[in-house]
Amino acid sequence: MRPDFQAIYLELEDEHWWFRARRRLIASMVTRTSPDRNSDVLDVGCSSGATLRALAGLGYTLVQGIDINPMAIATCRQRGRAGVTVGDAT
């Protein structure tokens, strides 16, 4: 991802309506399919960790994330999210 676009993306991810709606849908699917809050959850493409924070806010204790972009993982860690790694789904 281009660095200039990445910076804008990371800035918008917390509050833009599209990202907020997407997080609500994901949270709904996770809570329906894995109601046990001790379930392992992996967010592939976690970006700055907004979805990870949302799931942790719902009580999920074992949430981790991977993203192929080192800048996204650095931002995620700066925002207090542990358990994130640079990597891809393969």
C-alpha atoms as a PDB file:
ATOM      1  CA  MET A   1       0.000   0.000   0.000  1.00  0.00           C
ATOM      2  CA  ARG A   2       1.290   3.476  -0.798  1.00  0.00           C
ATOM      3  CA  PRO A   3       2.547   5.236   2.362  1.00  0.00           C
ATOM      4  CA  ASP A   4       0.426   8.345   1.753  1.00  0.00           C
ATOM      5  CA  PHE A   5      -2.733   6.269   1.359  1.00  0.00           C
ATOM      6  CA  GLN A   6      -1.779   4.123   4.359  1.00  0.00           C
ATOM      7  CA  ALA A   7      -1.569   7.193   6.599  1.00  0.00           C
ATOM      8  CA  ILE A   8      -5.051   8.342   5.532  1.00  0.00           C
ATOM      9  CA  TYR A   9      -6.456   4.813   5.935  1.00  0.00           C
ATOM     10  CA  LEU A  10      -5.086   4.482   9.472  1.00  0.00           C
ATOM     11  CA  GLU A  11      -6.478   7.903  10.395  1.00  0.00           C
ATOM     12  CA  LEU A  12      -9.980   7.106   9.107  1.00  0.00           C
ATOM     13  CA  GLU A  13     -10.189   3.542  10.399  1.00  0.00           C
ATOM     14  CA  ASP A  14     -11.406   4.418  13.899  1.00  0.00           C
ATOM     15  CA  GLU A  15     -14.277   6.760  13.067  1.00  0.00           C
ATOM     16  CA  HIS A  16     -15.337   6.511   9.410  1.00  0.00           C
ATOM     17  CA  TRP A  17     -18.860   5.069   9.044  1.00  0.00           C
ATOM     18  CA  TRP A  18     -17.752   2.272   6.709  1.00  0.00           C
ATOM     19  CA  PHE A  19     -15.127   0.940   9.104  1.00  0.00           C
ATOM     20  CA  ARG A  20     -17.492   1.255  12.078  1.00  0.00           C
ATOM     21  CA  ALA A  21     -20.244  -0.661  10.257  1.00  0.00           C
ATOM     22  CA  ARG A  22     -17.744  -3.314   9.169  1.00  0.00           C
ATOM     23  CA  ARG A  23     -16.571  -3.772  12.781  1.00  0.00           C
ATOM     24  CA  ARG A  24     -20.167  -4.174  13.957  1.00  0.00           C
ATOM     25  CA  LEU A  25     -20.787  -6.851  11.320  1.00  0.00           C
ATOM     26  CA  ILE A  26     -17.592  -8.695  12.206  1.00  0.00           C
ATOM     27  CA  ALA A  27     -18.342  -8.496  15.930  1.00  0.00           C
ATOM     28  CA  SER A  28     -21.839  -9.831  15.297  1.00  0.00           C
ATOM     29  CA  MET A  29     -20.496 -12.778  13.302  1.00  0.00           C
ATOM     30  CA  VAL A  30     -17.823 -13.583  15.882  1.00  0.00           C
ATOM     31  CA  THR A  31     -20.217 -13.437  18.830  1.00  0.00           C
ATOM     32  CA  ARG A  32     -22.721 -15.634  16.976  1.00  0.00           C
ATOM     33  CA  THR A  33     -20.214 -18.269  15.895  1.00  0.00           C
ATOM     34  CA  SER A  34     -17.945 -18.139  18.970  1.00  0.00           C
ATOM     35  CA  PRO A  35     -19.946 -17.021  21.996  1.00  0.00           C
ATOM     36  CA  ASP A  36     -17.216 -18.313  24.345  1.00  0.00           C
ATOM     37  CA  ARG A  37     -15.182 -15.196  25.153  1.00  0.00           C
ATOM     38  CA  ASN A  38     -12.101 -17.419  25.628  1.00  0.00           C
ATOM     39  CA  SER A  39     -12.159 -18.470  21.969  1.00  0.00           C
ATOM     40  CA  ASP A  40      -9.052 -17.792  19.908  1.00  0.00           C
ATOM     41  CA  VAL A  41      -9.668 -14.998  17.385  1.00  0.00           C
ATOM     42  CA  LEU A  42      -7.234 -14.099  14.602  1.00  0.00           C
ATOM     43  CA  ASP A  43      -7.783 -10.909  12.620  1.00  0.00           C
ATOM     44  CA  VAL A  44      -6.070 -11.353   9.253  1.00  0.00           C
ATOM     45  CA  GLY A  45      -5.336  -7.885   7.882  1.00  0.00           C
ATOM     46  CA  CYS A  46      -5.708  -6.256  11.298  1.00  0.00           C
ATOM     47  CA  SER A  47      -4.378  -2.856  10.163  1.00  0.00           C
ATOM     48  CA  SER A  48      -4.253  -0.559  13.212  1.00  0.00           C
ATOM     49  CA  GLY A  49      -6.116  -3.031  15.423  1.00  0.00           C
ATOM     50  CA  ALA A  50      -9.542  -1.360  15.548  1.00  0.00           C
ATOM     51  CA  THR A  51     -11.363  -4.683  15.164  1.00  0.00           C
ATOM     52  CA  LEU A  52      -9.096  -6.292  17.747  1.00  0.00           C
ATOM     53  CA  ARG A  53      -9.926  -3.508  20.200  1.00  0.00           C
ATOM     54  CA  ALA A  54     -13.648  -3.891  19.480  1.00  0.00           C
ATOM     55  CA  LEU A  55     -13.527  -7.644  20.133  1.00  0.00           C
ATOM     56  CA  ALA A  56     -11.497  -7.145  23.304  1.00  0.00           C
ATOM     57  CA  GLY A  57     -14.118  -4.616  24.369  1.00  0.00           C
ATOM     58  CA  LEU A  58     -16.728  -7.364  24.006  1.00  0.00           C
ATOM     59  CA  GLY A  59     -14.723  -9.521  26.410  1.00  0.00           C
ATOM     60  CA  TYR A  60     -12.708 -11.690  24.027  1.00  0.00           C
ATOM     61  CA  THR A  61      -9.407 -12.377  25.750  1.00  0.00           C
ATOM     62  CA  LEU A  62      -7.434 -14.256  23.081  1.00  0.00           C
ATOM     63  CA  VAL A  63      -7.447 -11.848  20.135  1.00  0.00           C
ATOM     64  CA  GLN A  64      -4.427 -11.632  17.869  1.00  0.00           C
ATOM     65  CA  GLY A  65      -3.762 -10.030  14.528  1.00  0.00           C
ATOM     66  CA  ILE A  66      -1.528 -10.225  11.496  1.00  0.00           C
ATOM     67  CA  ASP A  67      -0.994  -7.720   8.728  1.00  0.00           C
ATOM     68  CA  ILE A  68       1.411  -7.768   5.822  1.00  0.00           C
ATOM     69  CA  ASN A  69       2.196  -4.075   6.291  1.00  0.00           C
ATOM     70  CA  PRO A  70       4.864  -3.311   8.941  1.00  0.00           C
ATOM     71  CA  MET A  71       3.568   0.272   9.270  1.00  0.00           C
ATOM     72  CA  ALA A  72       0.114  -1.037  10.217  1.00  0.00           C
ATOM     73  CA  ILE A  73       1.576  -3.366  12.848  1.00  0.00           C
ATOM     74  CA  ALA A  74       3.713  -0.546  14.259  1.00  0.00           C
ATOM     75  CA  THR A  75       0.613   1.642  14.532  1.00  0.00           C
ATOM     76  CA  CYS A  76      -1.286  -1.203  16.143  1.00  0.00           C
ATOM     77  CA  ARG A  77       1.427  -1.628  18.769  1.00  0.00           C
ATOM     78  CA  GLN A  78       1.646   2.129  19.375  1.00  0.00           C
ATOM     79  CA  ARG A  79      -2.072   2.049  20.135  1.00  0.00           C
ATOM     80  CA  GLY A  80      -1.456  -0.525  22.844  1.00  0.00           C
ATOM     81  CA  ARG A  81      -2.293  -3.745  21.051  1.00  0.00           C
ATOM     82  CA  ALA A  82      -0.043  -6.703  21.833  1.00  0.00           C
ATOM     83  CA  GLY A  83      -0.264 -10.016  20.042  1.00  0.00           C
ATOM     84  CA  VAL A  84       0.152  -8.605  16.547  1.00  0.00           C
ATOM     85  CA  THR A  85       2.633  -9.779  13.948  1.00  0.00           C
ATOM     86  CA  VAL A  86       3.759  -8.840  10.483  1.00  0.00           C
ATOM     87  CA  GLY A  87       2.636 -11.694   8.258  1.00  0.00           C
ATOM     88  CA  ASP A  88       0.195 -12.910   5.651  1.00  0.00           C
ATOM     89  CA  ALA A  89      -2.541 -15.516   5.700  1.00  0.00           C
ATOM     90  CA  THR A  90      -0.403 -18.125   3.949  1.00  0.00           C
END
